[in-house]
Amino acid sequence: MAGGQGNLFSQPQPITNKDRETLNRSLTYYPLQPNSPEGVAIWQQQLRDWRMKNGEGQITVATGFPLHPGGAKPGSGECFLCGQVGHHQDSRQCTTPHISGCERTFCTICGRILHFRLAVEVNIVSMAGDEFDWLNDQMLPSTMDQGNGEGLPA
């Protein structure tokens, strides 16, 4: 029996400027609408247009997807269950109907690209001496001395 290709050890691809540009362009395809009768009508037409253009295709950074009227701006830290801000999906505070799986997928893409930040480099000074440098200090206890002189660590 052949097994599938898992993703247990795969790393997400780094975010590039091209990804950001592509996402920003796709966000213009289906502007967020107000929660009004007119906004709902425009959103429904956006859904028809998306389906006509993409069929049963996958939602990607390039395809965009129409977000429900009155929802939060993409990448604003919105809840991926209801699309509103102020809580996260695991807090059980959703008071509005849940968004569709398609919209959830696009919100996830937006959140990943729009919230991407470079990791901050942290340098820890350990009590290791020259004799154990070959251990790369992984086995030795670290000290609170971060090389900043007196006071609390930065």
Protein backbone atom coordinates (compact mmCIF):
# COMPACT_ATOMS: atom_id res chain seq x y z
CA MET A 1 0.00 0.00 0.00
CA ALA A 2 1.43 3.38 -0.97
CA GLY A 3 1.34 6.17 1.58
CA GLY A 4 0.55 9.80 1.05
CA GLN A 5 3.03 12.59 1.29
CA GLY A 6 2.63 14.08 4.75
CA ASN A 7 3.50 17.55 5.93
CA LEU A 8 4.74 16.71 9.42
CA PHE A 9 8.23 17.99 8.74
CA SER A 10 7.60 20.43 5.92
CA GLN A 11 8.16 24.09 6.61
CA PRO A 12 5.89 26.80 5.19
CA GLN A 13 7.42 28.68 2.31
CA PRO A 14 8.81 32.10 3.26
CA ILE A 15 6.63 35.12 2.49
CA THR A 16 8.00 37.20 -0.37
CA ASN A 17 7.27 40.69 -1.66
CA LYS A 18 5.70 39.01 -4.69
CA ASP A 19 3.27 37.20 -2.34
CA ARG A 20 2.29 40.51 -0.75
CA GLU A 21 1.84 42.18 -4.16
CA THR A 22 -0.25 39.27 -5.42
CA LEU A 23 -2.44 39.34 -2.32
CA ASN A 24 -2.92 43.10 -2.47
CA ARG A 25 -3.95 42.78 -6.13
CA SER A 26 -6.40 39.96 -5.37
CA LEU A 27 -7.96 41.99 -2.54
CA THR A 28 -9.00 44.58 -5.14
CA TYR A 29 -10.96 41.97 -7.14
CA TYR A 30 -13.68 41.65 -4.49
CA PRO A 31 -13.79 44.73 -2.22
CA LEU A 32 -15.33 44.25 1.23
CA GLN A 33 -18.94 45.42 1.27
CA PRO A 34 -21.00 47.00 4.06
CA ASN A 35 -23.66 44.92 5.77
CA SER A 36 -26.58 46.52 3.98
CA PRO A 37 -29.06 45.27 1.36
CA GLU A 38 -26.93 46.86 -1.36
CA GLY A 39 -23.72 45.41 0.11
CA VAL A 40 -25.25 41.92 0.28
CA ALA A 41 -26.41 42.18 -3.35
CA ILE A 42 -22.92 43.23 -4.49
CA TRP A 43 -21.33 40.42 -2.41
CA GLN A 44 -23.66 37.85 -3.99
CA GLN A 45 -22.64 39.08 -7.43
CA GLN A 46 -18.98 38.86 -6.36
CA LEU A 47 -19.56 35.22 -5.38
CA ARG A 48 -21.12 34.51 -8.78
CA ASP A 49 -18.19 36.23 -10.51
CA TRP A 50 -15.64 34.26 -8.46
CA ARG A 51 -17.39 30.98 -9.25
CA MET A 52 -17.61 31.84 -12.96
CA LYS A 53 -13.90 32.70 -13.06
CA ASN A 54 -12.57 29.89 -10.82
CA GLY A 55 -15.23 27.15 -10.93
CA GLU A 56 -14.42 24.47 -8.37
CA GLY A 57 -10.83 25.72 -8.28
CA GLN A 58 -8.72 26.18 -5.23
CA ILE A 59 -8.67 29.44 -3.30
CA THR A 60 -5.18 30.92 -3.47
CA VAL A 61 -3.37 34.17 -2.86
CA ALA A 62 -3.89 34.96 -6.56
CA THR A 63 -7.61 34.13 -6.85
CA GLY A 64 -8.84 36.13 -3.87
CA PHE A 65 -12.30 35.43 -2.49
CA PRO A 66 -15.33 37.64 -1.69
CA LEU A 67 -15.62 38.22 2.06
CA HIS A 68 -19.05 38.47 3.67
CA PRO A 69 -20.50 41.97 4.08
CA GLY A 70 -19.74 43.79 7.31
CA GLY A 71 -16.86 41.50 8.21
CA ALA A 72 -13.43 42.53 9.39
CA LYS A 73 -10.70 43.71 7.07
CA PRO A 74 -8.53 40.77 5.88
CA GLY A 75 -5.48 40.18 8.04
CA SER A 76 -6.87 42.18 10.97
CA GLY A 77 -6.63 39.30 13.42
CA GLU A 78 -10.22 38.32 12.82
CA CYS A 79 -11.79 35.13 14.16
CA PHE A 80 -11.66 32.45 11.49
CA LEU A 81 -15.06 31.09 12.55
CA CYS A 82 -17.20 34.24 12.35
CA GLY A 83 -14.94 36.78 10.61
CA GLN A 84 -15.20 39.41 13.36
CA VAL A 85 -12.43 40.98 15.45
CA GLY A 86 -12.09 41.05 19.23
CA HIS A 87 -11.68 37.34 19.84
CA HIS A 88 -10.22 34.21 18.29
CA GLN A 89 -11.99 31.05 17.20
CA ASP A 90 -10.83 29.06 20.21
CA SER A 91 -12.33 31.54 22.71
CA ARG A 92 -15.94 30.40 22.03
CA GLN A 93 -17.14 34.02 21.78
CA CYS A 94 -18.60 33.88 18.28
CA THR A 95 -22.02 35.53 18.34
CA THR A 96 -22.61 35.76 14.59
CA PRO A 97 -23.08 33.00 12.02
CA HIS A 98 -19.91 31.23 10.96
CA ILE A 99 -18.20 32.12 7.69
CA SER A 100 -17.87 29.55 4.92
CA GLY A 101 -14.90 27.24 4.59
CA CYS A 102 -13.91 29.08 1.40
CA GLU A 103 -13.82 32.41 3.20
CA ARG A 104 -11.96 30.83 6.12
CA THR A 105 -9.29 29.59 3.70
CA PHE A 106 -8.81 33.04 2.22
CA CYS A 107 -8.72 34.67 5.68
CA THR A 108 -6.00 32.20 6.67
CA ILE A 109 -3.97 33.14 3.59
CA CYS A 110 -4.42 36.86 4.34
CA GLY A 111 -3.47 36.44 7.98
CA ARG A 112 -0.33 34.51 7.12
CA ILE A 113 0.89 37.04 4.56
CA LEU A 114 -0.29 40.29 6.15
CA HIS A 115 0.82 39.38 9.69
CA PHE A 116 4.22 37.97 8.73
CA ARG A 117 7.04 39.36 10.82
CA LEU A 118 10.70 38.48 10.80
CA ALA A 119 11.76 36.54 13.87
CA VAL A 120 13.71 38.54 16.40
CA GLU A 121 17.20 37.25 16.99
CA VAL A 122 17.88 36.36 20.61
CA ASN A 123 21.40 35.86 21.89
CA ILE A 124 21.73 34.00 25.16
CA VAL A 125 25.01 34.03 27.04
CA SER A 126 25.66 30.77 28.87
CA MET A 127 28.11 29.74 31.54
CA ALA A 128 29.99 27.58 29.05
CA GLY A 129 33.69 28.05 28.80
CA ASP A 130 35.95 27.51 25.82
CA GLU A 131 36.33 23.85 26.75
CA PHE A 132 32.68 23.07 25.91
CA ASP A 133 32.07 25.37 22.96
CA TRP A 134 31.84 22.29 20.75
CA LEU A 135 28.52 21.47 22.48
CA ASN A 136 27.04 24.63 21.01
CA ASP A 137 25.87 25.42 24.54
CA GLN A 138 22.74 23.27 24.14
CA MET A 139 23.40 21.11 27.19
CA LEU A 140 24.66 23.81 29.54
CA PRO A 141 22.41 25.98 31.73
CA SER A 142 21.95 29.55 30.59
CA THR A 143 22.42 32.54 32.84
CA MET A 144 20.34 35.65 33.20
CA ASP A 145 23.34 37.67 32.01
CA GLN A 146 22.36 38.75 28.51
CA GLY A 147 25.44 40.88 28.00
CA ASN A 148 23.57 44.10 28.74
CA GLY A 149 25.35 44.94 31.96
CA GLU A 150 23.44 45.50 35.20
CA GLY A 151 19.69 45.16 35.46
CA LEU A 152 17.07 42.88 34.02
CA PRO A 153 17.56 41.07 30.71
CA ALA A 154 16.35 42.91 27.63
